[in-house]
Amino acid sequence: MREKWSSRSAFILAAIGSAVGLGNAWRFPGLAAKYGGGAFLFVYLIAMLIIGIPLLMMEISVARYTRQGAPGSMRAMNKKAESIGWIAVSNGIGISIYYAAVFAWVILMFVMSFKFMNLTDNTDAASSLWADTIKTTGTTSGFTTISWPVLGCLIAAWVLCYVCIRNGTTSVGKVVKFTVSLPVICLVIMAVRGIMMPGAMAGMAKLFIPDWSALSDSNLWVDAVGQVFYSLSTSMAIMFAYGSFLDKKSNIVVDTVIIAFSDMFISVLAGVVMFTTMAGVGMLDNMSASGIATAFIIYPQAIVKISNSGVFNMIFAFIFYFCLITLAIDSLFSIIEGISTAVSDKFKLDKKKTTLIICIIEGIISLIYVTGAGLAVLDIVDYFINSYTLIITGVLEMIAAGWLFKTTKILEELNKNTNKFKMPAWWFLPSIKFVSPIVLLGLFVWNLYNLIKGGGIYGAGDGYSLTANIIFGWCVSGLIIISGLIVRIIVKIKSAKGYKEDDRTWDELKES
């Protein structure tokens, strides 16, 4: 008997928790600052409607029908498409390993927030607080240097992750009631404080008043589409897993709209916090599209300038980093849930044990990020997955759903339990078959163009060696792409020992 969500709200909160992550809190405001505030919001909304919502609906509805994770759902549409699902799972593996490290850094900053009490106006000390503690070398040559505080926080991050999902939908449903509501409360508190600061209205104006000339910048469109795509947790097996636990009577259309716009609302709320606070301390022009720089270097500088009271600044720091903790934990355990669901479904394994083993294995691999070279490795892995494998997965998913399968069957499943608000064919079908794959493929080509144009044909960023880019960039990407083949080899070996895989197609499956 497949596990199910205890209630509709549990699913919605879990999906929102997965979609809303650290990218909402720091990358979204940074991109808005970079691209004319309201102009970026305008393009982001268009991308959400045309690409984000249909893509999210497709993953959830297919998974609800098949009662399978990403590989099983893709296989049901076309047997040759199962490998696409495993690429999505592998994306999740790569992302969750380095996301745990970022989560550990957030925990570290939360623990060290008491230090802000004695750093009033000392922006230099504030900006170096994180870098000095993680002992980063800024290159891939510091593997022998270990930050013990980060190691402790990394262990805490993985323990928290497992505790949250050890009992599947039961424990996740209980956890998300708090981890989704708490960051909203924290953001509201910080937004109120930000709006009360002198000069805050200048920040609000920069966020909401469009600079329409920015629309002529092609990078705005690329980054807005990318933000929607990454933010909704598509193409990394999460929404397939969550959709597979839905009751067959659930209203996917309405629920997906709620999830998507909740994600956007929290992004904008985080923008209000960031813009008003930075304006209030005279650092409005210091905002960066780099989430790492914003959270761990720039924002600490702002915190020590919020008031003349060290105690108040310390409290503000605790609230801010607690908010980031609650955002990070949902995203991390939802990715692990997507991986665990796919593996346990495929090989008929105990879900709880599978989850524990995955957390242990990934936890061991993630130890690379507690070294001095951790930040550089993270930069390379993050660049390759987000710029290439994640986008290609989205393109392949859309090709499978739109061209290797009858998309009208997905639309029929999608609209099964809704009367007043149905997903119209003129919106869903063109998006799945044409708009989404073309736009995402264009995004992929654009990333390649920028890579070659920048002279960094070997990989990510300046200053990273060819060897580092090959090992942590091209090799990691290669493993992700061939993950379906690796699974086929494992299945073949297990089949010789009596294992029988579930290879039923869409029409052969019966709803349970």
Protein backbone atom coordinates (compact mmCIF):
# COMPACT_ATOMS: atom_id res chain seq x y z
CA MET A 1 0.00 0.00 0.00
CA ARG A 2 1.57 3.28 -1.10
CA GLU A 3 1.82 6.02 1.50
CA LYS A 4 -0.34 9.11 1.05
CA TRP A 5 -0.40 12.66 2.32
CA SER A 6 -2.44 12.98 5.50
CA SER A 7 -4.25 15.99 4.08
CA ARG A 8 -4.36 18.37 1.13
CA SER A 9 -2.65 21.07 3.19
CA ALA A 10 0.23 18.70 4.00
CA PHE A 11 0.96 18.24 0.29
CA ILE A 12 0.63 21.93 -0.52
CA LEU A 13 2.88 22.97 2.38
CA ALA A 14 5.46 20.30 1.50
CA ALA A 15 5.50 21.39 -2.14
CA ILE A 16 5.76 25.05 -1.15
CA GLY A 17 8.56 24.17 1.27
CA SER A 18 10.42 22.40 -1.52
CA ALA A 19 9.90 25.22 -4.01
CA VAL A 20 10.73 27.98 -1.55
CA GLY A 21 14.39 27.76 -0.69
CA LEU A 22 17.50 29.83 -0.23
CA GLY A 23 17.27 30.97 -3.86
CA ASN A 24 14.08 32.86 -3.00
CA ALA A 25 15.74 34.60 -0.09
CA TRP A 26 18.90 35.76 -1.82
CA ARG A 27 19.08 35.00 -5.58
CA PHE A 28 15.67 36.47 -6.43
CA PRO A 29 16.31 39.86 -4.74
CA GLY A 30 19.77 39.99 -6.29
CA LEU A 31 18.42 39.44 -9.81
CA ALA A 32 15.67 41.98 -9.23
CA ALA A 33 18.30 44.53 -8.19
CA LYS A 34 20.39 43.69 -11.23
CA TYR A 35 17.58 43.97 -13.77
CA GLY A 36 15.45 47.01 -13.06
CA GLY A 37 13.30 45.81 -10.16
CA GLY A 38 9.73 45.71 -11.45
CA ALA A 39 10.89 44.84 -14.97
CA PHE A 40 12.38 41.61 -13.68
CA LEU A 41 9.20 40.87 -11.70
CA PHE A 42 7.15 41.37 -14.88
CA VAL A 43 9.21 38.89 -16.92
CA TYR A 44 9.33 36.48 -13.98
CA LEU A 45 5.52 36.44 -13.84
CA ILE A 46 5.26 35.78 -17.57
CA ALA A 47 7.75 32.91 -17.31
CA MET A 48 5.84 31.50 -14.33
CA LEU A 49 2.56 31.44 -16.27
CA ILE A 50 3.87 30.17 -19.59
CA ILE A 51 6.54 27.68 -18.46
CA GLY A 52 6.63 27.18 -14.68
CA ILE A 53 3.02 26.28 -13.90
CA PRO A 54 2.47 23.90 -16.88
CA LEU A 55 5.76 22.11 -16.19
CA LEU A 56 4.91 21.73 -12.51
CA MET A 57 1.42 20.45 -13.36
CA MET A 58 2.85 17.89 -15.76
CA GLU A 59 5.21 16.36 -13.21
CA ILE A 60 2.63 16.19 -10.41
CA SER A 61 -0.24 14.83 -12.52
CA VAL A 62 1.83 12.11 -14.21
CA ALA A 63 3.17 10.98 -10.83
CA ARG A 64 -0.29 10.89 -9.27
CA TYR A 65 -1.53 8.60 -12.03
CA THR A 66 1.48 6.27 -12.07
CA ARG A 67 2.04 6.22 -8.30
CA GLN A 68 5.75 6.27 -9.09
CA GLY A 69 8.76 8.52 -8.64
CA ALA A 70 10.46 10.27 -11.56
CA PRO A 71 11.89 7.18 -13.36
CA GLY A 72 8.68 5.17 -13.06
CA SER A 73 6.56 8.11 -14.19
CA MET A 74 8.72 8.73 -17.25
CA ARG A 75 8.77 5.00 -18.08
CA ALA A 76 4.97 4.85 -17.96
CA MET A 77 4.80 7.45 -20.73
CA ASN A 78 7.45 5.70 -22.80
CA LYS A 79 9.75 2.86 -21.77
CA LYS A 80 12.71 4.57 -23.41
CA ALA A 81 12.13 7.68 -21.25
CA GLU A 82 12.94 6.04 -17.90
CA SER A 83 16.56 7.18 -18.14
CA ILE A 84 15.30 10.80 -18.17
CA GLY A 85 13.81 10.18 -14.75
CA TRP A 86 17.15 8.87 -13.49
CA ILE A 87 18.89 11.99 -14.80
CA ALA A 88 16.42 14.02 -12.72
CA VAL A 89 17.20 11.86 -9.68
CA SER A 90 20.94 12.31 -10.27
CA ASN A 91 20.46 16.08 -10.48
CA GLY A 92 18.91 15.82 -7.04
CA ILE A 93 21.86 13.81 -5.74
CA GLY A 94 24.40 16.37 -6.95
CA ILE A 95 22.39 19.32 -5.69
CA SER A 96 21.55 17.86 -2.28
CA ILE A 97 25.19 17.04 -1.55
CA TYR A 98 26.34 20.64 -1.96
CA TYR A 99 23.06 22.10 -0.67
CA ALA A 100 23.76 20.34 2.63
CA ALA A 101 27.04 22.27 2.79
CA VAL A 102 25.25 25.58 2.23
CA PHE A 103 22.74 24.55 4.90
CA ALA A 104 25.68 23.86 7.22
CA TRP A 105 27.04 27.36 6.56
CA VAL A 106 23.65 28.84 7.42
CA ILE A 107 23.56 26.87 10.69
CA LEU A 108 27.09 28.11 11.39
CA MET A 109 26.06 31.74 10.90
CA PHE A 110 23.04 31.22 13.13
CA VAL A 111 25.26 29.84 15.88
CA MET A 112 27.74 32.70 15.46
CA SER A 113 25.05 35.40 15.41
CA PHE A 114 25.90 36.32 19.01
CA LYS A 115 29.13 37.83 17.66
CA PHE A 116 27.16 40.60 15.96
CA MET A 117 26.55 42.11 19.41
CA ASN A 118 30.12 43.40 19.46
CA LEU A 119 30.49 44.29 15.77
CA THR A 120 28.39 47.46 15.52
CA ASP A 121 29.56 49.43 12.44
CA ASN A 122 32.51 47.07 12.00
CA THR A 123 31.72 46.00 8.43
CA ASP A 124 35.17 44.55 7.78
CA ALA A 125 34.91 42.10 10.66
CA ALA A 126 31.33 41.23 9.73
CA SER A 127 32.18 40.49 6.11
CA SER A 128 35.07 38.18 7.04
CA LEU A 129 33.24 36.32 9.82
CA TRP A 130 32.02 33.51 7.56
CA ALA A 131 35.08 33.22 5.29
CA ASP A 132 37.49 33.04 8.21
CA THR A 133 35.48 30.29 9.88
CA ILE A 134 35.05 28.04 6.85
CA LYS A 135 38.77 28.50 6.08
CA THR A 136 38.17 28.79 2.35
CA THR A 137 41.20 29.10 0.10
CA GLY A 138 39.11 30.31 -2.83
CA THR A 139 40.73 27.61 -4.98
CA THR A 140 40.64 23.82 -5.30
CA SER A 141 44.00 23.44 -3.60
CA GLY A 142 42.89 23.42 0.02
CA PHE A 143 41.69 19.86 0.56
CA THR A 144 43.99 19.32 3.53
CA THR A 145 42.46 22.24 5.46
CA ILE A 146 39.38 21.32 7.49
CA SER A 147 36.96 23.62 9.28
CA TRP A 148 35.80 21.72 12.34
CA PRO A 149 32.90 24.08 13.09
CA VAL A 150 31.57 23.51 9.56
CA LEU A 151 31.97 19.75 10.00
CA GLY A 152 29.84 19.86 13.13
CA CYS A 153 27.18 21.93 11.38
CA LEU A 154 27.23 19.58 8.36
CA ILE A 155 26.57 16.59 10.59
CA ALA A 156 23.73 18.52 12.22
CA ALA A 157 22.30 19.34 8.77
CA TRP A 158 22.16 15.68 7.71
CA VAL A 159 20.73 14.55 11.05
CA LEU A 160 17.98 17.18 10.81
CA CYS A 161 17.27 16.13 7.23
CA TYR A 162 16.85 12.46 8.12
CA VAL A 163 14.74 13.17 11.19
CA CYS A 164 12.35 15.24 9.07
CA ILE A 165 11.75 12.55 6.43
CA ARG A 166 12.44 9.28 8.24
CA ASN A 167 8.73 8.36 8.21
CA GLY A 168 7.93 9.66 4.74
CA THR A 169 4.77 11.71 4.27
CA THR A 170 3.82 11.29 7.94
CA SER A 171 6.87 13.08 9.33
CA VAL A 172 7.13 15.51 6.41
CA GLY A 173 3.50 16.54 6.88
CA LYS A 174 4.16 17.37 10.53
CA VAL A 175 7.43 19.20 9.91
CA VAL A 176 6.24 21.47 7.08
CA LYS A 177 3.50 22.96 9.23
CA PHE A 178 6.29 24.75 11.07
CA THR A 179 9.11 25.04 8.54
CA VAL A 180 6.90 26.73 5.94
CA SER A 181 5.08 29.11 8.28
CA LEU A 182 8.11 30.12 10.38
CA PRO A 183 10.14 31.69 7.54
CA VAL A 184 7.10 33.67 6.45
CA ILE A 185 6.69 34.99 10.00
CA CYS A 186 10.40 35.80 10.17
CA LEU A 187 10.32 37.55 6.79
CA VAL A 188 7.29 39.60 7.81
CA ILE A 189 9.05 40.69 11.02
CA MET A 190 12.16 41.68 9.07
CA ALA A 191 10.08 43.40 6.39
CA VAL A 192 8.30 45.52 9.01
CA ARG A 193 11.63 46.48 10.50
CA GLY A 194 13.04 47.21 7.05
CA ILE A 195 10.14 49.45 6.06
CA MET A 196 10.60 51.43 9.29
CA MET A 197 14.22 52.21 8.46
CA PRO A 198 15.16 55.61 7.00
CA GLY A 199 15.42 55.48 3.23
CA ALA A 200 13.40 52.27 3.01
CA MET A 201 11.04 53.75 0.42
CA ALA A 202 13.96 54.14 -1.96
CA GLY A 203 14.45 50.41 -1.67
CA MET A 204 10.76 49.72 -2.28
CA ALA A 205 10.83 51.97 -5.33
CA LYS A 206 13.84 50.15 -6.76
CA LEU A 207 12.12 46.80 -6.24
CA PHE A 208 8.66 47.59 -7.62
CA ILE A 209 9.00 50.50 -10.06
CA PRO A 210 10.02 49.00 -13.41
CA ASP A 211 12.95 50.21 -15.42
CA TRP A 212 11.43 49.17 -18.73
CA SER A 213 14.67 49.79 -20.59
CA ALA A 214 16.03 46.69 -18.84
CA LEU A 215 13.70 44.56 -21.00
CA SER A 216 16.08 45.05 -23.90
CA ASP A 217 18.74 43.12 -21.98
CA SER A 218 18.57 39.50 -23.13
CA ASN A 219 20.21 38.37 -19.89
CA LEU A 220 17.14 39.56 -17.96
CA TRP A 221 14.89 37.17 -19.87
CA VAL A 222 17.35 34.31 -19.51
CA ASP A 223 17.78 34.82 -15.75
CA ALA A 224 14.04 35.30 -15.14
CA VAL A 225 13.20 32.05 -16.92
CA GLY A 226 16.04 30.33 -15.10
CA GLN A 227 14.84 31.58 -11.72
CA VAL A 228 11.32 30.22 -12.35
CA PHE A 229 12.69 26.91 -13.55
CA TYR A 230 15.05 26.42 -10.60
CA SER A 231 12.72 27.85 -7.98
CA LEU A 232 9.80 25.44 -8.57
CA SER A 233 11.98 22.36 -7.93
CA THR A 234 11.26 20.81 -11.32
CA SER A 235 13.59 18.38 -13.12
CA MET A 236 15.12 17.04 -9.91
CA ALA A 237 12.59 14.27 -9.08
CA ILE A 238 10.99 16.10 -6.14
CA MET A 239 7.57 16.92 -7.56
CA PHE A 240 7.24 13.46 -9.09
CA ALA A 241 7.76 11.97 -5.63
CA TYR A 242 5.34 14.35 -3.94
CA GLY A 243 2.75 13.89 -6.68
CA SER A 244 2.93 10.10 -6.34
CA PHE A 245 1.67 10.36 -2.76
CA LEU A 246 -1.45 12.33 -3.73
CA ASP A 247 -4.96 11.01 -3.33
CA LYS A 248 -6.59 10.32 -6.69
CA LYS A 249 -9.31 12.86 -5.83
CA SER A 250 -6.88 15.75 -5.37
CA ASN A 251 -7.30 18.95 -7.39
CA ILE A 252 -3.90 19.37 -9.01
CA VAL A 253 -4.77 22.45 -11.05
CA VAL A 254 -5.75 24.61 -8.08
CA ASP A 255 -3.04 23.20 -5.83
CA THR A 256 -0.30 23.90 -8.40
CA VAL A 257 -1.42 27.51 -8.81
CA ILE A 258 -1.34 27.92 -5.03
CA ILE A 259 2.17 26.43 -4.87
CA ALA A 260 3.53 28.56 -7.72
CA PHE A 261 2.16 31.86 -6.48
CA SER A 262 3.11 31.13 -2.87
CA ASP A 263 6.64 30.64 -4.15
CA MET A 264 6.47 33.97 -5.95
CA PHE A 265 4.93 35.76 -2.95
CA ILE A 266 7.69 34.61 -0.60
CA SER A 267 10.30 35.64 -3.17
CA VAL A 268 8.83 39.13 -3.33
CA LEU A 269 8.56 39.28 0.47
CA ALA A 270 12.26 38.36 0.70
CA GLY A 271 12.89 41.12 -1.85
CA VAL A 272 11.13 43.64 0.37
CA VAL A 273 13.30 42.57 3.30
CA MET A 274 16.51 42.78 1.31
CA PHE A 275 15.80 46.05 -0.52
CA THR A 276 14.46 47.99 2.49
CA THR A 277 17.21 46.79 4.81
CA MET A 278 19.99 47.50 2.35
CA ALA A 279 18.50 50.92 1.57
CA GLY A 280 18.13 51.67 5.27
CA VAL A 281 21.84 51.10 5.91
CA GLY A 282 22.96 52.88 2.75
CA MET A 283 24.02 49.73 0.90
CA LEU A 284 21.31 49.51 -1.76
CA ASP A 285 23.88 49.41 -4.56
CA ASN A 286 25.85 46.62 -2.87
CA MET A 287 23.33 43.85 -3.58
CA SER A 288 24.63 40.90 -5.56
CA ALA A 289 23.00 38.18 -7.68
CA SER A 290 25.39 35.79 -5.95
CA GLY A 291 23.47 34.17 -3.12
CA ILE A 292 26.62 33.14 -1.25
CA ALA A 293 28.03 36.67 -1.32
CA THR A 294 24.72 38.20 -0.28
CA ALA A 295 23.99 35.89 2.64
CA PHE A 296 27.45 35.49 4.10
CA ILE A 297 29.37 38.65 3.20
CA ILE A 298 27.10 41.53 2.19
CA TYR A 299 24.18 40.96 4.55
CA PRO A 300 26.39 40.63 7.66
CA GLN A 301 27.78 44.06 6.75
CA ALA A 302 24.24 45.39 6.66
CA ILE A 303 23.28 43.76 9.97
CA VAL A 304 26.02 45.56 11.93
CA LYS A 305 24.72 48.88 10.56
CA ILE A 306 21.02 48.34 11.24
CA SER A 307 21.14 50.16 14.59
CA ASN A 308 23.53 51.45 17.22
CA SER A 309 22.38 48.69 19.56
CA GLY A 310 24.57 45.60 19.41
CA VAL A 311 21.88 43.58 21.15
CA PHE A 312 19.26 44.56 18.57
CA ASN A 313 21.61 43.73 15.70
CA MET A 314 22.36 40.37 17.27
CA ILE A 315 18.65 39.54 17.59
CA PHE A 316 18.08 40.59 13.99
CA ALA A 317 20.93 38.29 12.90
CA PHE A 318 19.46 35.36 14.81
CA ILE A 319 16.06 35.90 13.17
CA PHE A 320 17.57 36.28 9.69
CA TYR A 321 19.66 33.11 9.83
CA PHE A 322 16.91 31.15 11.56
CA CYS A 323 14.72 32.13 8.62
CA LEU A 324 17.35 30.79 6.23
CA ILE A 325 17.57 27.54 8.24
CA THR A 326 13.84 26.91 7.86
CA LEU A 327 14.06 27.67 4.14
CA ALA A 328 17.03 25.35 3.66
CA ILE A 329 15.76 22.32 5.58
CA ASP A 330 12.59 21.95 3.48
CA SER A 331 14.51 22.09 0.23
CA LEU A 332 17.14 19.59 1.38
CA PHE A 333 14.82 16.92 2.72
CA SER A 334 12.46 17.26 -0.26
CA ILE A 335 15.34 16.50 -2.65
CA ILE A 336 16.30 13.45 -0.58
CA GLU A 337 12.65 12.37 -0.60
CA GLY A 338 12.65 12.48 -4.40
CA ILE A 339 15.81 10.34 -4.56
CA SER A 340 14.64 7.86 -1.93
CA THR A 341 11.22 7.44 -3.56
CA ALA A 342 12.75 6.69 -6.97
CA VAL A 343 15.27 4.15 -5.64
CA SER A 344 12.87 2.35 -3.28
CA ASP A 345 10.17 2.18 -5.98
CA LYS A 346 12.52 0.76 -8.58
CA PHE A 347 14.21 -1.87 -6.46
CA LYS A 348 11.32 -2.59 -4.04
CA LEU A 349 13.33 -1.53 -0.99
CA ASP A 350 12.27 -0.43 2.46
CA LYS A 351 11.75 3.32 2.19
CA LYS A 352 13.01 4.24 5.66
CA LYS A 353 16.23 2.23 5.34
CA THR A 354 16.79 3.58 1.84
CA THR A 355 16.48 7.13 3.10
CA LEU A 356 18.97 6.49 5.91
CA ILE A 357 21.52 4.92 3.55
CA ILE A 358 21.19 7.80 1.09
CA CYS A 359 21.73 10.37 3.85
CA ILE A 360 24.83 8.50 5.10
CA ILE A 361 26.39 8.08 1.64
CA GLU A 362 25.70 11.66 0.59
CA GLY A 363 26.85 12.88 3.99
CA ILE A 364 30.22 11.19 3.51
CA ILE A 365 30.62 12.65 0.00
CA SER A 366 29.65 16.12 1.25
CA LEU A 367 32.69 16.12 3.57
CA ILE A 368 34.62 17.59 0.66
CA TYR A 369 32.82 20.86 1.36
CA VAL A 370 34.23 21.21 4.87
CA THR A 371 37.72 21.62 3.41
CA GLY A 372 39.34 24.84 2.31
CA ALA A 373 38.59 23.88 -1.30
CA GLY A 374 34.88 23.34 -0.53
CA LEU A 375 33.65 26.72 -1.76
CA ALA A 376 35.48 26.37 -5.09
CA VAL A 377 34.21 22.82 -5.62
CA LEU A 378 30.68 23.96 -4.82
CA ASP A 379 30.99 26.81 -7.31
CA ILE A 380 32.02 24.41 -10.10
CA VAL A 381 29.44 21.68 -9.36
CA ASP A 382 26.64 24.21 -8.93
CA TYR A 383 27.52 25.90 -12.21
CA PHE A 384 27.51 22.72 -14.28
CA ILE A 385 24.33 21.23 -12.81
CA ASN A 386 22.28 24.43 -12.93
CA SER A 387 23.57 25.61 -16.31
CA TYR A 388 23.50 22.30 -18.17
CA THR A 389 22.18 19.04 -16.72
CA LEU A 390 19.15 20.51 -14.95
CA ILE A 391 18.03 22.40 -18.06
CA ILE A 392 18.63 19.45 -20.40
CA THR A 393 16.53 17.30 -18.06
CA GLY A 394 13.66 19.77 -18.39
CA VAL A 395 13.95 19.71 -22.18
CA LEU A 396 13.97 15.89 -22.26
CA GLU A 397 10.98 15.70 -19.90
CA MET A 398 8.99 17.98 -22.17
CA ILE A 399 9.98 16.03 -25.29
CA ALA A 400 8.93 12.79 -23.63
CA ALA A 401 5.61 14.22 -22.45
CA GLY A 402 4.87 16.21 -25.58
CA TRP A 403 6.21 14.04 -28.40
CA LEU A 404 6.73 10.47 -27.14
CA PHE A 405 3.34 10.41 -25.42
CA LYS A 406 -0.19 11.73 -25.93
CA THR A 407 -0.15 15.00 -24.02
CA THR A 408 -3.94 15.06 -24.01
CA LYS A 409 -3.88 12.08 -21.61
CA ILE A 410 -1.86 14.15 -19.15
CA LEU A 411 -4.28 17.05 -19.53
CA GLU A 412 -7.20 14.68 -18.90
CA GLU A 413 -5.54 13.42 -15.72
CA LEU A 414 -4.74 16.98 -14.69
CA ASN A 415 -8.35 18.20 -15.00
CA LYS A 416 -9.95 15.10 -13.51
CA ASN A 417 -11.14 16.62 -10.23
CA THR A 418 -11.70 20.24 -11.07
CA ASN A 419 -14.88 21.85 -12.34
CA LYS A 420 -14.67 25.61 -11.91
CA PHE A 421 -11.02 26.08 -12.81
CA LYS A 422 -9.64 23.75 -15.47
CA MET A 423 -6.27 23.92 -17.18
CA PRO A 424 -7.20 24.90 -20.75
CA ALA A 425 -5.68 22.96 -23.64
CA TRP A 426 -4.61 26.20 -25.36
CA TRP A 427 -2.41 26.98 -22.34
CA PHE A 428 -1.09 23.53 -21.39
CA LEU A 429 -0.45 21.74 -24.70
CA PRO A 430 1.57 24.47 -26.49
CA SER A 431 3.67 25.00 -23.36
CA ILE A 432 4.55 21.32 -22.98
CA LYS A 433 5.08 20.57 -26.67
CA PHE A 434 6.64 23.78 -27.94
CA VAL A 435 7.23 26.74 -25.62
CA SER A 436 8.90 25.04 -22.64
CA PRO A 437 11.32 22.81 -24.56
CA ILE A 438 12.26 25.59 -27.00
CA VAL A 439 12.79 28.21 -24.29
CA LEU A 440 14.74 25.83 -22.04
CA LEU A 441 16.86 24.67 -24.97
CA GLY A 442 17.50 28.33 -25.77
CA LEU A 443 18.56 28.85 -22.15
CA PHE A 444 20.96 25.92 -22.45
CA VAL A 445 22.47 27.27 -25.69
CA TRP A 446 22.77 30.74 -24.15
CA ASN A 447 24.72 29.34 -21.21
CA LEU A 448 27.06 27.55 -23.60
CA TYR A 449 27.48 30.75 -25.63
CA ASN A 450 28.38 32.76 -22.53
CA LEU A 451 30.82 30.05 -21.45
CA ILE A 452 32.63 30.11 -24.79
CA LYS A 453 32.36 33.89 -25.17
CA GLY A 454 33.94 34.36 -21.76
CA GLY A 455 36.92 32.28 -22.80
CA GLY A 456 36.20 29.71 -20.10
CA ILE A 457 35.65 26.82 -22.47
CA TYR A 458 36.87 24.37 -19.85
CA GLY A 459 34.31 25.19 -17.19
CA ALA A 460 33.12 27.55 -14.50
CA GLY A 461 34.64 30.78 -13.39
CA ASP A 462 38.09 32.30 -13.44
CA GLY A 463 41.00 30.86 -11.54
CA TYR A 464 39.83 27.24 -11.47
CA SER A 465 42.22 24.75 -13.02
CA LEU A 466 41.37 22.57 -16.00
CA THR A 467 41.77 19.49 -13.80
CA ALA A 468 39.27 20.81 -11.25
CA ASN A 469 36.72 21.63 -13.94
CA ILE A 470 37.11 18.21 -15.54
CA ILE A 471 36.73 16.33 -12.25
CA PHE A 472 34.00 18.37 -10.55
CA GLY A 473 32.32 19.78 -13.63
CA TRP A 474 32.45 17.67 -16.77
CA CYS A 475 32.83 14.32 -14.96
CA VAL A 476 29.98 15.02 -12.54
CA SER A 477 27.78 16.13 -15.45
CA GLY A 478 28.76 13.02 -17.40
CA LEU A 479 27.83 10.73 -14.51
CA ILE A 480 24.45 12.44 -14.25
CA ILE A 481 23.75 12.04 -17.96
CA ILE A 482 24.67 8.32 -18.02
CA SER A 483 22.92 7.52 -14.72
CA GLY A 484 20.08 5.79 -16.58
CA LEU A 485 22.59 3.45 -18.23
CA ILE A 486 24.17 2.71 -14.85
CA VAL A 487 20.75 1.76 -13.45
CA ARG A 488 20.09 -0.50 -16.46
CA ILE A 489 23.35 -2.35 -15.74
CA ILE A 490 22.33 -2.79 -12.08
CA VAL A 491 18.89 -4.05 -13.14
CA LYS A 492 20.48 -6.55 -15.53
CA ILE A 493 22.72 -7.89 -12.77
CA LYS A 494 19.81 -8.14 -10.32
CA SER A 495 17.56 -9.75 -12.94
CA ALA A 496 20.01 -12.65 -13.20
CA LYS A 497 19.30 -13.24 -9.49
CA GLY A 498 15.51 -13.28 -9.88
CA TYR A 499 14.67 -9.58 -9.69
CA LYS A 500 11.65 -8.57 -11.80
CA GLU A 501 11.13 -4.89 -12.56
CA ASP A 502 7.80 -3.16 -12.97
CA ASP A 503 7.70 -2.16 -16.63
CA ARG A 504 4.01 -1.36 -17.03
CA THR A 505 3.10 1.50 -19.36
CA TRP A 506 0.47 4.19 -18.85
CA ASP A 507 -2.40 2.15 -20.30
CA GLU A 508 -1.40 -0.92 -18.32
CA LEU A 509 -1.39 0.88 -15.00
CA LYS A 510 -4.49 0.94 -12.84
CA GLU A 511 -5.14 3.70 -10.36
CA SER A 512 -4.79 2.62 -6.77
